[in-house]
């Protein structure tokens, strides 16, 4: 075997996951579709969070009325909180980093909290609570579907299995 044959064997394009025309769909294709849907959703949410961050920075730099110093301390705190964490969450989501999802969930819950007590703080007002709830539900559904496509048991699957095992132990044998 000469050097060229050995190099061809080492350079195996089959193992590199290249696009193959006419490849049959299977569990790997289903997993790829679900991961793509989750990735697309997360990146759209990242763009929405960038827009929200820009709105918060607009309030700091060029408020519509008065100055930023005229706001109440709670409004100033909330504005700064979202002006800092919204872009951090957006970058983390865009990069698909695990910490991005955590920061996003933190800001989402904080948004719901602020929108509940002060609906006029955000541009959408009370409708933001519904929009955030829909985003959270979609994220949970898409994440669950992506995890199920890979065949890996999720925390919910593990919990259900433990509960079934406990129920079997407690029931008397017939």
Protein backbone atom coordinates (compact mmCIF):
# COMPACT_ATOMS: atom_id res chain seq x y z
CA UNK A 1 0.00 0.00 0.00
CA UNK A 2 1.48 3.30 -1.04
CA UNK A 3 1.22 6.67 0.73
CA UNK A 4 -1.73 7.88 -1.37
CA UNK A 5 -3.87 4.82 -0.50
CA UNK A 6 -3.08 5.21 3.19
CA UNK A 7 -3.96 8.93 3.06
CA UNK A 8 -7.28 8.10 1.33
CA UNK A 9 -8.18 5.65 4.10
CA UNK A 10 -7.27 8.14 6.83
CA UNK A 11 -9.24 10.89 5.09
CA UNK A 12 -12.65 9.23 5.30
CA UNK A 13 -15.34 11.66 4.14
CA UNK A 14 -18.03 9.11 5.07
CA UNK A 15 -17.36 9.70 8.75
CA UNK A 16 -17.43 13.47 8.47
CA UNK A 17 -21.22 13.76 8.22
CA UNK A 18 -21.26 15.16 4.70
CA UNK A 19 -24.56 15.82 2.96
CA UNK A 20 -25.52 12.81 0.93
CA UNK A 21 -28.05 13.17 -1.87
CA UNK A 22 -30.69 10.48 -1.63
CA UNK A 23 -29.81 9.51 1.93
CA UNK A 24 -32.64 7.73 3.65
CA UNK A 25 -34.28 9.49 6.57
CA UNK A 26 -33.90 7.79 9.89
CA UNK A 27 -33.57 8.55 13.56
CA UNK A 28 -30.52 10.72 12.87
CA UNK A 29 -32.46 12.82 10.36
CA UNK A 30 -35.32 13.25 12.84
CA UNK A 31 -32.86 14.31 15.55
CA UNK A 32 -31.25 16.79 13.15
CA UNK A 33 -34.66 18.31 12.26
CA UNK A 34 -35.61 18.72 15.90
CA UNK A 35 -32.25 20.22 16.82
CA UNK A 36 -32.54 22.61 13.87
CA UNK A 37 -36.00 23.71 15.05
CA UNK A 38 -34.66 24.33 18.56
CA UNK A 39 -31.63 26.20 17.20
CA UNK A 40 -33.80 28.38 14.96
CA UNK A 41 -36.17 29.16 17.83
CA UNK A 42 -33.31 30.05 20.20
CA UNK A 43 -31.71 32.34 17.63
CA UNK A 44 -35.00 34.16 16.96
CA UNK A 45 -35.41 34.63 20.71
CA UNK A 46 -31.83 35.97 20.83
CA UNK A 47 -32.75 38.62 18.26
CA UNK A 48 -35.85 39.57 20.27
CA UNK A 49 -33.73 39.90 23.39
CA UNK A 50 -31.25 42.17 21.56
CA UNK A 51 -34.17 44.43 20.62
CA UNK A 52 -35.34 44.49 24.23
CA UNK A 53 -31.83 45.35 25.39
CA UNK A 54 -31.64 48.21 22.89
CA UNK A 55 -34.94 49.54 24.25
CA UNK A 56 -33.57 49.47 27.81
CA UNK A 57 -30.38 51.25 26.74
CA UNK A 58 -32.49 53.85 24.93
CA UNK A 59 -34.24 54.54 28.23
CA UNK A 60 -30.88 55.11 29.90
CA UNK A 61 -29.18 57.15 27.18
CA UNK A 62 -32.06 59.09 25.63
CA UNK A 63 -35.30 58.78 27.62
CA UNK A 64 -38.51 59.97 25.97
CA UNK A 65 -39.33 62.38 28.79
CA UNK A 66 -37.05 63.94 31.39
CA UNK A 67 -33.85 62.15 32.26
CA UNK A 68 -32.92 58.73 33.56
CA UNK A 69 -32.20 60.28 36.98
CA UNK A 70 -35.88 61.33 37.23
CA UNK A 71 -37.02 57.69 37.39
CA UNK A 72 -37.84 56.02 40.68
CA UNK A 73 -35.08 53.87 42.18
CA UNK A 74 -37.00 50.67 41.41
CA UNK A 75 -37.46 51.70 37.76
CA UNK A 76 -33.77 52.61 37.48
CA UNK A 77 -32.78 49.25 38.97
CA UNK A 78 -35.06 47.29 36.65
CA UNK A 79 -33.87 49.23 33.62
CA UNK A 80 -30.20 48.64 34.42
CA UNK A 81 -30.87 44.97 35.24
CA UNK A 82 -32.47 44.35 31.86
CA UNK A 83 -29.99 46.58 29.99
CA UNK A 84 -27.14 44.38 31.25
CA UNK A 85 -28.70 40.90 31.31
CA UNK A 86 -30.77 41.04 28.10
CA UNK A 87 -27.74 41.36 25.78
CA UNK A 88 -25.84 38.75 27.83
CA UNK A 89 -28.76 36.33 27.43
CA UNK A 90 -29.01 37.12 23.72
CA UNK A 91 -25.32 36.42 23.11
CA UNK A 92 -25.49 33.19 25.11
CA UNK A 93 -28.58 32.05 23.21
CA UNK A 94 -27.06 32.91 19.84
CA UNK A 95 -23.93 30.92 20.69
CA UNK A 96 -26.10 28.05 21.94
CA UNK A 97 -24.14 28.11 25.19
CA UNK A 98 -25.74 26.38 28.19
CA UNK A 99 -25.26 29.50 30.31
CA UNK A 100 -27.20 31.49 27.69
CA UNK A 101 -30.32 29.46 28.33
CA UNK A 102 -29.91 29.93 32.08
CA UNK A 103 -29.46 33.71 31.79
CA UNK A 104 -32.40 33.87 29.37
CA UNK A 105 -34.66 31.96 31.76
CA UNK A 106 -33.56 34.29 34.57
CA UNK A 107 -34.41 37.39 32.54
CA UNK A 108 -37.66 35.82 31.33
CA UNK A 109 -38.81 35.13 34.89
CA UNK A 110 -37.69 38.62 35.96
CA UNK A 111 -39.62 40.09 33.03
CA UNK A 112 -42.75 38.22 34.06
CA UNK A 113 -42.31 39.48 37.62
CA UNK A 114 -41.84 43.11 36.55
CA UNK A 115 -44.66 42.93 33.96
CA UNK A 116 -46.98 41.53 36.61
CA UNK A 117 -46.42 44.41 39.03
CA UNK A 118 -45.65 47.21 36.56
CA UNK A 119 -47.16 46.42 33.12
CA UNK A 120 -46.28 49.86 31.75
CA UNK A 121 -42.54 49.16 32.16
CA UNK A 122 -42.34 47.22 28.89
CA UNK A 123 -43.54 48.33 25.47
CA UNK A 124 -46.02 45.48 25.11
CA UNK A 125 -47.41 45.96 28.61
CA UNK A 126 -49.68 43.15 29.78
CA UNK A 127 -49.36 41.30 26.47
CA UNK A 128 -45.72 40.62 27.38
CA UNK A 129 -46.84 38.15 30.05
CA UNK A 130 -48.63 36.10 27.41
CA UNK A 131 -45.75 36.37 24.94
CA UNK A 132 -43.21 35.31 27.57
CA UNK A 133 -45.41 32.41 28.61
CA UNK A 134 -45.69 31.26 24.99
CA UNK A 135 -41.90 31.57 24.50
CA UNK A 136 -41.25 29.55 27.65
CA UNK A 137 -43.73 26.84 26.62
CA UNK A 138 -42.26 26.64 23.10
CA UNK A 139 -38.74 26.39 24.50
CA UNK A 140 -39.69 23.59 26.86
CA UNK A 141 -41.55 21.67 24.14
CA UNK A 142 -38.75 22.04 21.56
CA UNK A 143 -36.07 21.10 24.11
CA UNK A 144 -38.04 18.05 25.19
CA UNK A 145 -38.58 16.95 21.58
CA UNK A 146 -34.88 17.43 20.74
CA UNK A 147 -33.85 15.36 23.76
CA UNK A 148 -36.34 12.61 22.91
CA UNK A 149 -35.08 12.46 19.31
CA UNK A 150 -31.56 11.69 20.52
CA UNK A 151 -32.83 8.73 22.52
CA UNK A 152 -31.30 10.05 25.74
CA UNK A 153 -33.60 9.78 28.77
CA UNK A 154 -34.56 13.16 30.16
CA UNK A 155 -34.96 14.10 33.81
CA UNK A 156 -38.71 13.63 33.43
CA UNK A 157 -38.17 10.16 31.98
CA UNK A 158 -35.89 9.28 34.90
CA UNK A 159 -38.42 10.60 37.42
CA UNK A 160 -41.23 8.57 35.85
CA UNK A 161 -39.06 5.44 35.90
CA UNK A 162 -38.24 5.96 39.60
CA UNK A 163 -41.91 6.50 40.47
CA UNK A 164 -42.86 3.32 38.62
CA UNK A 165 -40.18 1.37 40.46
CA UNK A 166 -41.35 2.74 43.82
CA UNK A 167 -44.94 1.83 42.95
CA UNK A 168 -43.88 -1.74 42.06
CA UNK A 169 -42.03 -2.12 45.36
CA UNK A 170 -45.01 -0.95 47.43
CA UNK A 171 -47.65 -3.09 45.73
CA UNK A 172 -47.86 -6.65 47.09
CA UNK A 173 -46.94 -9.41 44.70
CA UNK A 174 -49.95 -11.35 43.40
